[in-house]
Amino acid sequence: MRRTKAEAQATREAICAAALDVFYDRGVACTTLEQIAQAAGVTRGAIYHHFRNKAELFEAIHQQAVLPMQDVANAIFADDGPNALQRLECFCVQSLLRLHKDAEVRRRFAVVLLKCESTPDTEALLARMQAAKGESTQRLAAFFTRKLKRGVLPPESDPRLLALGLHDYMTGLFTGYLRSPGSYRMPEDAHSLVRHYFAPLRA
């Protein structure tokens, strides 16, 4: 039984790896499950055993990209210590550096940010991503609200706008780097770009 579970997990991972390759090469909208099955060396039935449809398979790729960062971010969002804002700034820097250093991370985020075209077939995928953004910014806004009440942020700060701004700023940096990595000087630019956002937040 253990070996069967291990084999099933290996098949699932092979499908995800193949989907990442095909999504990256063709774009999500132009990819079919048949193409993914061929790339993975499995049948379409094997894909349906693990995933209901292409949207669920894309969601798995999305989770592979964001979950390692999300777990760390959530721990910071729950931090009420005196250095929480500094931890958040450091997390943003490290996220950019991870993108710079890890080719697999770059491929996953390229699929999520650049390869999921807006078409009727991908409306559900994009809606899920928008919902995930909403959840993340809500947690981040709550974090900034607590920091404002503790006098860590300037009194005129708007936690909701700070949360939206930071989320979109980091998303923009990720997208910009993926499109033109040669425009950036890493690791120096990672520290400088993040510092430019956080410097005005220090009370």
N, C-alpha and C. Protein backbone atom coordinates (compact mmCIF):
# COMPACT_ATOMS: atom_id res chain seq x y z
N MET A 1 0.83 -1.21 0.00
CA MET A 1 0.00 0.00 0.00
C MET A 1 0.86 1.26 0.00
N ARG A 2 1.95 1.21 0.81
CA ARG A 2 2.83 2.36 0.84
C ARG A 2 3.44 2.64 -0.52
N ARG A 3 3.86 1.56 -1.20
CA ARG A 3 4.47 1.75 -2.51
C ARG A 3 3.46 2.30 -3.50
N THR A 4 2.20 1.87 -3.41
CA THR A 4 1.15 2.37 -4.30
C THR A 4 0.95 3.87 -4.09
N LYS A 5 0.93 4.31 -2.84
CA LYS A 5 0.78 5.73 -2.55
C LYS A 5 1.99 6.51 -3.07
N ALA A 6 3.15 5.93 -2.91
CA ALA A 6 4.37 6.59 -3.40
C ALA A 6 4.34 6.71 -4.91
N GLU A 7 3.87 5.67 -5.58
CA GLU A 7 3.79 5.70 -7.04
C GLU A 7 2.77 6.73 -7.51
N ALA A 8 1.64 6.80 -6.79
CA ALA A 8 0.61 7.78 -7.14
C ALA A 8 1.14 9.20 -6.97
N GLN A 9 1.90 9.42 -5.90
CA GLN A 9 2.48 10.74 -5.68
C GLN A 9 3.49 11.07 -6.75
N ALA A 10 4.28 10.07 -7.15
CA ALA A 10 5.28 10.28 -8.20
C ALA A 10 4.60 10.63 -9.52
N THR A 11 3.47 9.96 -9.81
CA THR A 11 2.73 10.26 -11.03
C THR A 11 2.18 11.69 -10.99
N ARG A 12 1.64 12.07 -9.85
CA ARG A 12 1.10 13.43 -9.70
C ARG A 12 2.21 14.46 -9.92
N GLU A 13 3.38 14.21 -9.33
CA GLU A 13 4.49 15.15 -9.49
C GLU A 13 4.96 15.21 -10.94
N ALA A 14 4.95 14.07 -11.62
CA ALA A 14 5.35 14.04 -13.04
C ALA A 14 4.37 14.83 -13.89
N ILE A 15 3.09 14.72 -13.57
CA ILE A 15 2.05 15.47 -14.30
C ILE A 15 2.25 16.97 -14.08
N CYS A 16 2.49 17.35 -12.84
CA CYS A 16 2.70 18.78 -12.54
C CYS A 16 3.94 19.31 -13.25
N ALA A 17 5.01 18.52 -13.26
CA ALA A 17 6.24 18.95 -13.93
C ALA A 17 6.01 19.10 -15.43
N ALA A 18 5.27 18.15 -16.02
CA ALA A 18 4.98 18.24 -17.45
C ALA A 18 4.08 19.43 -17.75
N ALA A 19 3.09 19.66 -16.89
CA ALA A 19 2.19 20.80 -17.08
C ALA A 19 2.96 22.10 -17.02
N LEU A 20 3.90 22.20 -16.09
CA LEU A 20 4.72 23.40 -16.00
C LEU A 20 5.48 23.63 -17.30
N ASP A 21 6.07 22.57 -17.84
CA ASP A 21 6.81 22.69 -19.09
C ASP A 21 5.92 23.16 -20.24
N VAL A 22 4.75 22.52 -20.37
CA VAL A 22 3.87 22.84 -21.51
C VAL A 22 3.23 24.21 -21.33
N PHE A 23 2.79 24.54 -20.12
CA PHE A 23 2.25 25.87 -19.86
C PHE A 23 3.30 26.93 -20.19
N TYR A 24 4.54 26.68 -19.80
CA TYR A 24 5.61 27.65 -20.02
C TYR A 24 5.87 27.83 -21.51
N ASP A 25 5.84 26.74 -22.26
CA ASP A 25 6.13 26.80 -23.70
C ASP A 25 4.97 27.33 -24.53
N ARG A 26 3.75 26.96 -24.17
CA ARG A 26 2.59 27.25 -25.02
C ARG A 26 1.62 28.27 -24.43
N GLY A 27 1.73 28.54 -23.14
CA GLY A 27 0.71 29.36 -22.49
C GLY A 27 -0.42 28.48 -21.99
N VAL A 28 -1.08 28.92 -20.94
CA VAL A 28 -2.13 28.09 -20.34
C VAL A 28 -3.31 27.92 -21.29
N ALA A 29 -3.74 28.98 -21.93
CA ALA A 29 -4.94 28.92 -22.78
C ALA A 29 -4.75 27.97 -23.95
N CYS A 30 -3.54 27.89 -24.49
CA CYS A 30 -3.30 27.07 -25.68
C CYS A 30 -2.87 25.64 -25.35
N THR A 31 -2.83 25.30 -24.11
CA THR A 31 -2.41 23.96 -23.69
C THR A 31 -3.63 23.06 -23.50
N THR A 32 -3.51 21.82 -23.95
CA THR A 32 -4.56 20.83 -23.74
C THR A 32 -4.07 19.76 -22.77
N LEU A 33 -5.02 19.06 -22.17
CA LEU A 33 -4.65 17.96 -21.29
C LEU A 33 -3.95 16.84 -22.06
N GLU A 34 -4.31 16.66 -23.32
CA GLU A 34 -3.66 15.66 -24.13
C GLU A 34 -2.18 15.97 -24.29
N GLN A 35 -1.84 17.24 -24.49
CA GLN A 35 -0.44 17.63 -24.62
C GLN A 35 0.31 17.39 -23.31
N ILE A 36 -0.33 17.68 -22.20
CA ILE A 36 0.31 17.44 -20.90
C ILE A 36 0.50 15.95 -20.67
N ALA A 37 -0.51 15.15 -21.03
CA ALA A 37 -0.40 13.69 -20.87
C ALA A 37 0.77 13.15 -21.68
N GLN A 38 0.91 13.62 -22.92
CA GLN A 38 2.01 13.17 -23.76
C GLN A 38 3.36 13.56 -23.16
N ALA A 39 3.45 14.78 -22.66
CA ALA A 39 4.70 15.26 -22.07
C ALA A 39 5.06 14.48 -20.81
N ALA A 40 4.03 14.06 -20.06
CA ALA A 40 4.26 13.33 -18.81
C ALA A 40 4.43 11.84 -19.03
N GLY A 41 4.08 11.36 -20.24
CA GLY A 41 4.15 9.94 -20.51
C GLY A 41 3.06 9.15 -19.81
N VAL A 42 1.89 9.76 -19.65
CA VAL A 42 0.75 9.09 -19.01
C VAL A 42 -0.48 9.26 -19.90
N THR A 43 -1.57 8.63 -19.52
CA THR A 43 -2.82 8.77 -20.23
C THR A 43 -3.60 9.96 -19.68
N ARG A 44 -4.58 10.41 -20.45
CA ARG A 44 -5.46 11.47 -19.93
C ARG A 44 -6.20 10.97 -18.70
N GLY A 45 -6.52 9.67 -18.68
CA GLY A 45 -7.19 9.11 -17.52
C GLY A 45 -6.36 9.25 -16.26
N ALA A 46 -5.04 9.12 -16.40
CA ALA A 46 -4.16 9.30 -15.23
C ALA A 46 -4.23 10.74 -14.73
N ILE A 47 -4.32 11.68 -15.66
CA ILE A 47 -4.45 13.09 -15.23
C ILE A 47 -5.76 13.29 -14.50
N TYR A 48 -6.85 12.74 -15.03
CA TYR A 48 -8.15 12.91 -14.39
C TYR A 48 -8.22 12.22 -13.04
N HIS A 49 -7.38 11.23 -12.82
CA HIS A 49 -7.33 10.59 -11.51
C HIS A 49 -6.85 11.56 -10.44
N HIS A 50 -6.00 12.51 -10.84
CA HIS A 50 -5.41 13.45 -9.89
C HIS A 50 -6.02 14.85 -9.97
N PHE A 51 -6.49 15.23 -11.16
CA PHE A 51 -6.98 16.59 -11.35
C PHE A 51 -8.29 16.55 -12.15
N ARG A 52 -9.26 17.34 -11.73
CA ARG A 52 -10.56 17.32 -12.42
C ARG A 52 -10.49 17.95 -13.80
N ASN A 53 -9.62 18.95 -13.94
CA ASN A 53 -9.54 19.69 -15.21
C ASN A 53 -8.25 20.50 -15.25
N LYS A 54 -8.08 21.23 -16.33
CA LYS A 54 -6.86 22.04 -16.50
C LYS A 54 -6.77 23.13 -15.43
N ALA A 55 -7.91 23.68 -15.04
CA ALA A 55 -7.91 24.73 -14.02
C ALA A 55 -7.34 24.22 -12.71
N GLU A 56 -7.71 23.01 -12.32
CA GLU A 56 -7.20 22.45 -11.07
C GLU A 56 -5.71 22.15 -11.18
N LEU A 57 -5.27 21.74 -12.35
CA LEU A 57 -3.85 21.50 -12.57
C LEU A 57 -3.07 22.80 -12.50
N PHE A 58 -3.60 23.86 -13.10
CA PHE A 58 -2.95 25.16 -13.00
C PHE A 58 -2.90 25.62 -11.55
N GLU A 59 -3.97 25.36 -10.81
CA GLU A 59 -4.01 25.75 -9.39
C GLU A 59 -2.88 25.07 -8.62
N ALA A 60 -2.57 23.81 -8.97
CA ALA A 60 -1.47 23.12 -8.31
C ALA A 60 -0.14 23.81 -8.61
N ILE A 61 0.04 24.26 -9.86
CA ILE A 61 1.26 24.99 -10.22
C ILE A 61 1.33 26.30 -9.44
N HIS A 62 0.19 26.97 -9.36
CA HIS A 62 0.11 28.24 -8.62
C HIS A 62 0.50 28.03 -7.16
N GLN A 63 -0.02 26.98 -6.55
CA GLN A 63 0.29 26.70 -5.16
C GLN A 63 1.76 26.36 -4.98
N GLN A 64 2.34 25.63 -5.91
CA GLN A 64 3.77 25.33 -5.83
C GLN A 64 4.59 26.61 -5.82
N ALA A 65 4.12 27.61 -6.55
CA ALA A 65 4.85 28.88 -6.63
C ALA A 65 4.71 29.69 -5.35
N VAL A 66 3.49 29.78 -4.83
CA VAL A 66 3.25 30.74 -3.75
C VAL A 66 3.29 30.16 -2.35
N LEU A 67 3.04 28.86 -2.18
CA LEU A 67 2.93 28.31 -0.83
C LEU A 67 4.19 28.48 0.01
N PRO A 68 5.40 28.20 -0.53
CA PRO A 68 6.58 28.39 0.32
C PRO A 68 6.70 29.82 0.84
N MET A 69 6.32 30.80 0.03
CA MET A 69 6.35 32.18 0.46
C MET A 69 5.19 32.50 1.38
N GLN A 70 4.03 31.92 1.10
CA GLN A 70 2.82 32.23 1.85
C GLN A 70 2.94 31.82 3.32
N ASP A 71 3.54 30.67 3.56
CA ASP A 71 3.69 30.20 4.95
C ASP A 71 4.55 31.17 5.75
N VAL A 72 5.63 31.64 5.15
CA VAL A 72 6.50 32.60 5.84
C VAL A 72 5.78 33.93 6.04
N ALA A 73 5.08 34.37 4.99
CA ALA A 73 4.37 35.65 5.06
C ALA A 73 3.30 35.62 6.15
N ASN A 74 2.55 34.53 6.24
CA ASN A 74 1.49 34.43 7.24
C ASN A 74 2.06 34.50 8.66
N ALA A 75 3.23 33.90 8.86
CA ALA A 75 3.87 33.98 10.18
C ALA A 75 4.25 35.42 10.51
N ILE A 76 4.70 36.16 9.51
CA ILE A 76 5.04 37.57 9.73
C ILE A 76 3.78 38.38 9.98
N PHE A 77 2.71 38.12 9.22
CA PHE A 77 1.47 38.87 9.40
C PHE A 77 0.91 38.71 10.81
N ALA A 78 1.21 37.57 11.44
CA ALA A 78 0.71 37.31 12.79
C ALA A 78 1.66 37.83 13.87
N ASP A 79 2.79 38.38 13.47
CA ASP A 79 3.82 38.82 14.41
C ASP A 79 3.46 40.20 14.96
N ASP A 80 3.35 40.30 16.27
CA ASP A 80 3.09 41.58 16.91
C ASP A 80 4.32 42.11 17.64
N GLY A 81 5.47 41.53 17.34
CA GLY A 81 6.70 41.98 17.97
C GLY A 81 7.21 43.29 17.40
N PRO A 82 8.20 43.86 18.04
CA PRO A 82 8.71 45.19 17.63
C PRO A 82 9.43 45.18 16.29
N ASN A 83 9.88 44.00 15.84
CA ASN A 83 10.65 43.93 14.60
C ASN A 83 9.85 43.37 13.43
N ALA A 84 8.52 43.32 13.57
CA ALA A 84 7.70 42.68 12.54
C ALA A 84 7.79 43.41 11.20
N LEU A 85 7.80 44.74 11.23
CA LEU A 85 7.89 45.49 9.97
C LEU A 85 9.23 45.24 9.29
N GLN A 86 10.28 45.14 10.07
CA GLN A 86 11.59 44.84 9.52
C GLN A 86 11.62 43.43 8.94
N ARG A 87 10.94 42.50 9.61
CA ARG A 87 10.86 41.13 9.09
C ARG A 87 10.14 41.10 7.75
N LEU A 88 9.08 41.90 7.63
CA LEU A 88 8.33 41.95 6.38
C LEU A 88 9.20 42.51 5.26
N GLU A 89 9.95 43.54 5.54
CA GLU A 89 10.86 44.12 4.55
C GLU A 89 11.90 43.09 4.10
N CYS A 90 12.47 42.38 5.06
CA CYS A 90 13.46 41.35 4.75
C CYS A 90 12.84 40.24 3.91
N PHE A 91 11.61 39.87 4.24
CA PHE A 91 10.91 38.83 3.47
C PHE A 91 10.75 39.25 2.01
N CYS A 92 10.40 40.50 1.78
CA CYS A 92 10.23 40.99 0.41
C CYS A 92 11.56 40.94 -0.35
N VAL A 93 12.64 41.31 0.32
CA VAL A 93 13.95 41.24 -0.31
C VAL A 93 14.30 39.81 -0.66
N GLN A 94 14.11 38.91 0.30
CA GLN A 94 14.46 37.50 0.07
C GLN A 94 13.60 36.88 -1.02
N SER A 95 12.37 37.31 -1.15
CA SER A 95 11.50 36.79 -2.21
C SER A 95 12.05 37.16 -3.58
N LEU A 96 12.51 38.40 -3.72
CA LEU A 96 13.11 38.81 -4.99
C LEU A 96 14.40 38.06 -5.27
N LEU A 97 15.20 37.85 -4.24
CA LEU A 97 16.46 37.14 -4.43
C LEU A 97 16.21 35.67 -4.77
N ARG A 98 15.18 35.10 -4.19
CA ARG A 98 14.84 33.70 -4.51
C ARG A 98 14.43 33.59 -5.97
N LEU A 99 13.67 34.56 -6.45
CA LEU A 99 13.29 34.59 -7.86
C LEU A 99 14.53 34.68 -8.74
N HIS A 100 15.49 35.48 -8.31
CA HIS A 100 16.72 35.68 -9.09
C HIS A 100 17.58 34.42 -9.12
N LYS A 101 17.65 33.70 -8.02
CA LYS A 101 18.60 32.60 -7.88
C LYS A 101 18.06 31.26 -8.35
N ASP A 102 16.75 31.05 -8.29
CA ASP A 102 16.17 29.72 -8.50
C ASP A 102 15.42 29.66 -9.83
N ALA A 103 15.96 28.93 -10.79
CA ALA A 103 15.36 28.85 -12.13
C ALA A 103 13.97 28.21 -12.08
N GLU A 104 13.78 27.23 -11.21
CA GLU A 104 12.48 26.57 -11.12
C GLU A 104 11.43 27.53 -10.58
N VAL A 105 11.79 28.35 -9.62
CA VAL A 105 10.88 29.37 -9.10
C VAL A 105 10.51 30.35 -10.21
N ARG A 106 11.49 30.74 -11.01
CA ARG A 106 11.22 31.67 -12.11
C ARG A 106 10.23 31.07 -13.09
N ARG A 107 10.39 29.80 -13.42
CA ARG A 107 9.48 29.16 -14.37
C ARG A 107 8.06 29.12 -13.82
N ARG A 108 7.92 28.80 -12.56
CA ARG A 108 6.58 28.73 -11.97
C ARG A 108 5.90 30.09 -11.96
N PHE A 109 6.65 31.12 -11.56
CA PHE A 109 6.05 32.44 -11.54
C PHE A 109 5.83 32.99 -12.95
N ALA A 110 6.66 32.59 -13.90
CA ALA A 110 6.43 33.00 -15.28
C ALA A 110 5.10 32.45 -15.78
N VAL A 111 4.80 31.21 -15.44
CA VAL A 111 3.52 30.63 -15.84
C VAL A 111 2.37 31.38 -15.16
N VAL A 112 2.51 31.64 -13.88
CA VAL A 112 1.43 32.29 -13.12
C VAL A 112 1.21 33.73 -13.56
N LEU A 113 2.30 34.48 -13.76
CA LEU A 113 2.19 35.92 -14.02
C LEU A 113 2.19 36.29 -15.50
N LEU A 114 2.79 35.46 -16.36
CA LEU A 114 2.95 35.84 -17.76
C LEU A 114 2.25 34.92 -18.75
N LYS A 115 2.00 33.69 -18.36
CA LYS A 115 1.54 32.70 -19.32
C LYS A 115 0.06 32.34 -19.20
N CYS A 116 -0.64 32.97 -18.28
CA CYS A 116 -2.08 32.69 -18.12
C CYS A 116 -2.86 33.82 -18.78
N GLU A 117 -3.11 33.67 -20.08
CA GLU A 117 -3.77 34.70 -20.85
C GLU A 117 -5.24 34.84 -20.45
N SER A 118 -5.76 36.04 -20.65
CA SER A 118 -7.17 36.28 -20.33
C SER A 118 -8.05 35.86 -21.51
N THR A 119 -8.70 34.72 -21.35
CA THR A 119 -9.64 34.19 -22.35
C THR A 119 -10.85 33.64 -21.60
N PRO A 120 -11.95 33.36 -22.31
CA PRO A 120 -13.09 32.75 -21.62
C PRO A 120 -12.73 31.47 -20.88
N ASP A 121 -11.76 30.70 -21.41
CA ASP A 121 -11.38 29.44 -20.78
C ASP A 121 -10.59 29.65 -19.49
N THR A 122 -9.97 30.81 -19.35
CA THR A 122 -9.14 31.04 -18.16
C THR A 122 -9.79 32.00 -17.16
N GLU A 123 -11.04 32.36 -17.39
CA GLU A 123 -11.70 33.29 -16.47
C GLU A 123 -11.71 32.76 -15.04
N ALA A 124 -11.99 31.47 -14.88
CA ALA A 124 -12.04 30.89 -13.54
C ALA A 124 -10.66 30.91 -12.88
N LEU A 125 -9.62 30.66 -13.67
CA LEU A 125 -8.26 30.68 -13.13
C LEU A 125 -7.91 32.07 -12.63
N LEU A 126 -8.19 33.07 -13.46
CA LEU A 126 -7.85 34.44 -13.09
C LEU A 126 -8.68 34.91 -11.91
N ALA A 127 -9.93 34.44 -11.83
CA ALA A 127 -10.77 34.80 -10.69
C ALA A 127 -10.20 34.23 -9.39
N ARG A 128 -9.66 33.01 -9.46
CA ARG A 128 -9.05 32.41 -8.27
C ARG A 128 -7.82 33.21 -7.85
N MET A 129 -7.04 33.64 -8.80
CA MET A 129 -5.86 34.43 -8.48
C MET A 129 -6.26 35.76 -7.86
N GLN A 130 -7.32 36.35 -8.36
CA GLN A 130 -7.81 37.61 -7.80
C GLN A 130 -8.31 37.41 -6.38
N ALA A 131 -8.99 36.29 -6.14
CA ALA A 131 -9.48 35.98 -4.80
C ALA A 131 -8.30 35.78 -3.84
N ALA A 132 -7.25 35.10 -4.32
CA ALA A 132 -6.06 34.89 -3.49
C ALA A 132 -5.41 36.23 -3.14
N LYS A 133 -5.40 37.16 -4.11
CA LYS A 133 -4.86 38.49 -3.84
C LYS A 133 -5.69 39.17 -2.76
N GLY A 134 -7.01 39.06 -2.85
CA GLY A 134 -7.87 39.68 -1.85
C GLY A 134 -7.61 39.16 -0.46
N GLU A 135 -7.44 37.84 -0.33
CA GLU A 135 -7.17 37.25 0.98
C GLU A 135 -5.83 37.71 1.52
N SER A 136 -4.83 37.76 0.66
CA SER A 136 -3.50 38.18 1.09
C SER A 136 -3.49 39.63 1.54
N THR A 137 -4.13 40.50 0.77
CA THR A 137 -4.12 41.92 1.13
C THR A 137 -4.94 42.19 2.38
N GLN A 138 -5.97 41.38 2.63
CA GLN A 138 -6.74 41.54 3.87
C GLN A 138 -5.87 41.23 5.09
N ARG A 139 -5.11 40.13 5.00
CA ARG A 139 -4.21 39.79 6.12
C ARG A 139 -3.13 40.86 6.29
N LEU A 140 -2.64 41.34 5.17
CA LEU A 140 -1.60 42.38 5.23
C LEU A 140 -2.17 43.69 5.78
N ALA A 141 -3.39 44.03 5.40
CA ALA A 141 -4.02 45.24 5.93
C ALA A 141 -4.23 45.14 7.44
N ALA A 142 -4.62 43.95 7.91
CA ALA A 142 -4.79 43.75 9.35
C ALA A 142 -3.45 43.92 10.07
N PHE A 143 -2.39 43.43 9.45
CA PHE A 143 -1.03 43.60 10.00
C PHE A 143 -0.69 45.08 10.11
N PHE A 144 -0.90 45.84 9.04
CA PHE A 144 -0.59 47.26 9.06
C PHE A 144 -1.49 48.01 10.05
N THR A 145 -2.73 47.58 10.19
CA THR A 145 -3.64 48.22 11.16
C THR A 145 -3.10 48.10 12.57
N ARG A 146 -2.62 46.91 12.92
CA ARG A 146 -2.07 46.71 14.26
C ARG A 146 -0.81 47.56 14.45
N LYS A 147 0.00 47.65 13.41
CA LYS A 147 1.23 48.45 13.52
C LYS A 147 0.88 49.94 13.66
N LEU A 148 -0.17 50.37 12.98
CA LEU A 148 -0.59 51.78 13.09
C LEU A 148 -1.05 52.08 14.51
N LYS A 149 -1.82 51.18 15.10
CA LYS A 149 -2.31 51.38 16.47
C LYS A 149 -1.18 51.41 17.48
N ARG A 150 -0.08 50.70 17.18
CA ARG A 150 1.05 50.66 18.10
C ARG A 150 2.05 51.79 17.84
N GLY A 151 1.73 52.65 16.89
CA GLY A 151 2.59 53.79 16.61
C GLY A 151 3.83 53.45 15.81
N VAL A 152 3.85 52.25 15.19
CA VAL A 152 5.00 51.85 14.39
C VAL A 152 4.99 52.56 13.04
N LEU A 153 3.80 52.87 12.53
CA LEU A 153 3.65 53.54 11.24
C LEU A 153 3.32 55.02 11.44
N PRO A 154 3.60 55.87 10.46
CA PRO A 154 3.19 57.27 10.55
C PRO A 154 1.67 57.38 10.75
N PRO A 155 1.20 58.34 11.51
CA PRO A 155 -0.23 58.42 11.85
C PRO A 155 -1.15 58.59 10.65
N GLU A 156 -0.64 59.13 9.55
CA GLU A 156 -1.50 59.34 8.37
C GLU A 156 -1.59 58.10 7.50
N SER A 157 -0.98 57.00 7.89
CA SER A 157 -0.96 55.79 7.08
C SER A 157 -2.36 55.19 6.92
N ASP A 158 -2.64 54.68 5.74
CA ASP A 158 -3.88 53.97 5.45
C ASP A 158 -3.54 52.49 5.24
N PRO A 159 -3.86 51.63 6.21
CA PRO A 159 -3.47 50.21 6.11
C PRO A 159 -3.96 49.52 4.86
N ARG A 160 -5.17 49.83 4.42
CA ARG A 160 -5.70 49.19 3.21
C ARG A 160 -4.87 49.55 1.99
N LEU A 161 -4.54 50.82 1.86
CA LEU A 161 -3.75 51.25 0.71
C LEU A 161 -2.31 50.74 0.79
N LEU A 162 -1.78 50.68 2.00
CA LEU A 162 -0.43 50.13 2.16
C LEU A 162 -0.39 48.67 1.73
N ALA A 163 -1.42 47.92 2.09
CA ALA A 163 -1.48 46.50 1.73
C ALA A 163 -1.61 46.32 0.22
N LEU A 164 -2.53 47.06 -0.39
CA LEU A 164 -2.69 46.97 -1.84
C LEU A 164 -1.42 47.42 -2.56
N GLY A 165 -0.84 48.50 -2.07
CA GLY A 165 0.36 49.03 -2.70
C GLY A 165 1.52 48.06 -2.64
N LEU A 166 1.74 47.44 -1.48
CA LEU A 166 2.86 46.52 -1.34
C LEU A 166 2.65 45.27 -2.19
N HIS A 167 1.43 44.75 -2.19
CA HIS A 167 1.14 43.56 -3.00
C HIS A 167 1.40 43.86 -4.48
N ASP A 168 0.87 44.97 -4.97
CA ASP A 168 1.02 45.29 -6.39
C ASP A 168 2.45 45.70 -6.73
N TYR A 169 3.13 46.33 -5.79
CA TYR A 169 4.53 46.71 -6.01
C TYR A 169 5.39 45.46 -6.19
N MET A 170 5.22 44.48 -5.30
CA MET A 170 6.01 43.25 -5.39
C MET A 170 5.62 42.45 -6.63
N THR A 171 4.34 42.40 -6.95
CA THR A 171 3.92 41.70 -8.16
C THR A 171 4.52 42.35 -9.39
N GLY A 172 4.55 43.68 -9.40
CA GLY A 172 5.15 44.40 -10.51
C GLY A 172 6.64 44.13 -10.63
N LEU A 173 7.34 44.05 -9.49
CA LEU A 173 8.77 43.76 -9.52
C LEU A 173 9.02 42.34 -10.02
N PHE A 174 8.21 41.40 -9.57
CA PHE A 174 8.35 40.03 -10.05
C PHE A 174 8.14 39.98 -11.57
N THR A 175 7.08 40.63 -12.03
CA THR A 175 6.77 40.61 -13.46
C THR A 175 7.86 41.30 -14.27
N GLY A 176 8.33 42.44 -13.77
CA GLY A 176 9.38 43.16 -14.47
C GLY A 176 10.65 42.35 -14.55
N TYR A 177 11.00 41.68 -13.48
CA TYR A 177 12.22 40.86 -13.50
C TYR A 177 12.08 39.70 -14.46
N LEU A 178 10.92 39.04 -14.45
CA LEU A 178 10.70 37.91 -15.36
C LEU A 178 10.77 38.33 -16.82
N ARG A 179 10.28 39.51 -17.12
CA ARG A 179 10.30 39.99 -18.51
C ARG A 179 11.70 40.45 -18.93
N SER A 180 12.44 41.04 -18.02
CA SER A 180 13.74 41.61 -18.40
C SER A 180 14.73 41.50 -17.25
N PRO A 181 15.19 40.28 -16.94
CA PRO A 181 16.11 40.11 -15.81
C PRO A 181 17.41 40.89 -15.96
N GLY A 182 17.83 41.12 -17.20
CA GLY A 182 19.08 41.84 -17.42
C GLY A 182 19.01 43.30 -17.01
N SER A 183 17.80 43.82 -16.79
CA SER A 183 17.65 45.21 -16.37
C SER A 183 17.98 45.40 -14.89
N TYR A 184 18.09 44.31 -14.16
CA TYR A 184 18.28 44.38 -12.71
C TYR A 184 19.71 43.99 -12.34
N ARG A 185 20.21 44.64 -11.32
CA ARG A 185 21.51 44.29 -10.75
C ARG A 185 21.26 43.67 -9.38
N MET A 186 21.30 42.36 -9.35
CA MET A 186 21.04 41.65 -8.12
C MET A 186 22.37 41.26 -7.46
N PRO A 187 22.43 41.24 -6.11
CA PRO A 187 21.33 41.43 -5.17
C PRO A 187 21.09 42.89 -4.77
N GLU A 188 21.93 43.81 -5.24
CA GLU A 188 21.83 45.20 -4.78
C GLU A 188 20.45 45.79 -5.04
N ASP A 189 19.91 45.57 -6.23
CA ASP A 189 18.62 46.17 -6.58
C ASP A 189 17.49 45.64 -5.71
N ALA A 190 17.56 44.39 -5.31
CA ALA A 190 16.50 43.82 -4.47
C ALA A 190 16.40 44.61 -3.17
N HIS A 191 17.54 44.86 -2.54
CA HIS A 191 17.55 45.61 -1.28
C HIS A 191 17.08 47.05 -1.50
N SER A 192 17.58 47.68 -2.55
CA SER A 192 17.26 49.09 -2.79
C SER A 192 15.79 49.29 -3.15
N LEU A 193 15.26 48.45 -4.03
CA LEU A 193 13.87 48.60 -4.46
C LEU A 193 12.90 48.41 -3.30
N VAL A 194 13.16 47.43 -2.47
CA VAL A 194 12.27 47.18 -1.33
C VAL A 194 12.42 48.31 -0.30
N ARG A 195 13.65 48.77 -0.09
CA ARG A 195 13.87 49.85 0.87
C ARG A 195 13.13 51.12 0.46
N HIS A 196 13.04 51.38 -0.84
CA HIS A 196 12.32 52.57 -1.31
C HIS A 196 10.85 52.53 -0.90
N TYR A 197 10.27 51.33 -0.85
CA TYR A 197 8.85 51.24 -0.44
C TYR A 197 8.71 51.40 1.07
N PHE A 198 9.61 50.78 1.82
CA PHE A 198 9.45 50.75 3.27
C PHE A 198 9.96 51.99 3.98
N ALA A 199 10.87 52.72 3.36
CA ALA A 199 11.45 53.88 4.06
C ALA A 199 10.39 54.87 4.55
N PRO A 200 9.36 55.23 3.74
CA PRO A 200 8.36 56.17 4.23
C PRO A 200 7.44 55.60 5.33
N LEU A 201 7.51 54.30 5.58
CA LEU A 201 6.62 53.68 6.57
C LEU A 201 7.16 53.75 7.98
N ARG A 202 8.41 54.18 8.11
CA ARG A 202 8.99 54.25 9.45
C ARG A 202 8.52 55.51 10.15
N ALA A 203 7.86 55.31 11.28
CA ALA A 203 7.28 56.45 12.03
C ALA A 203 8.39 57.36 12.57
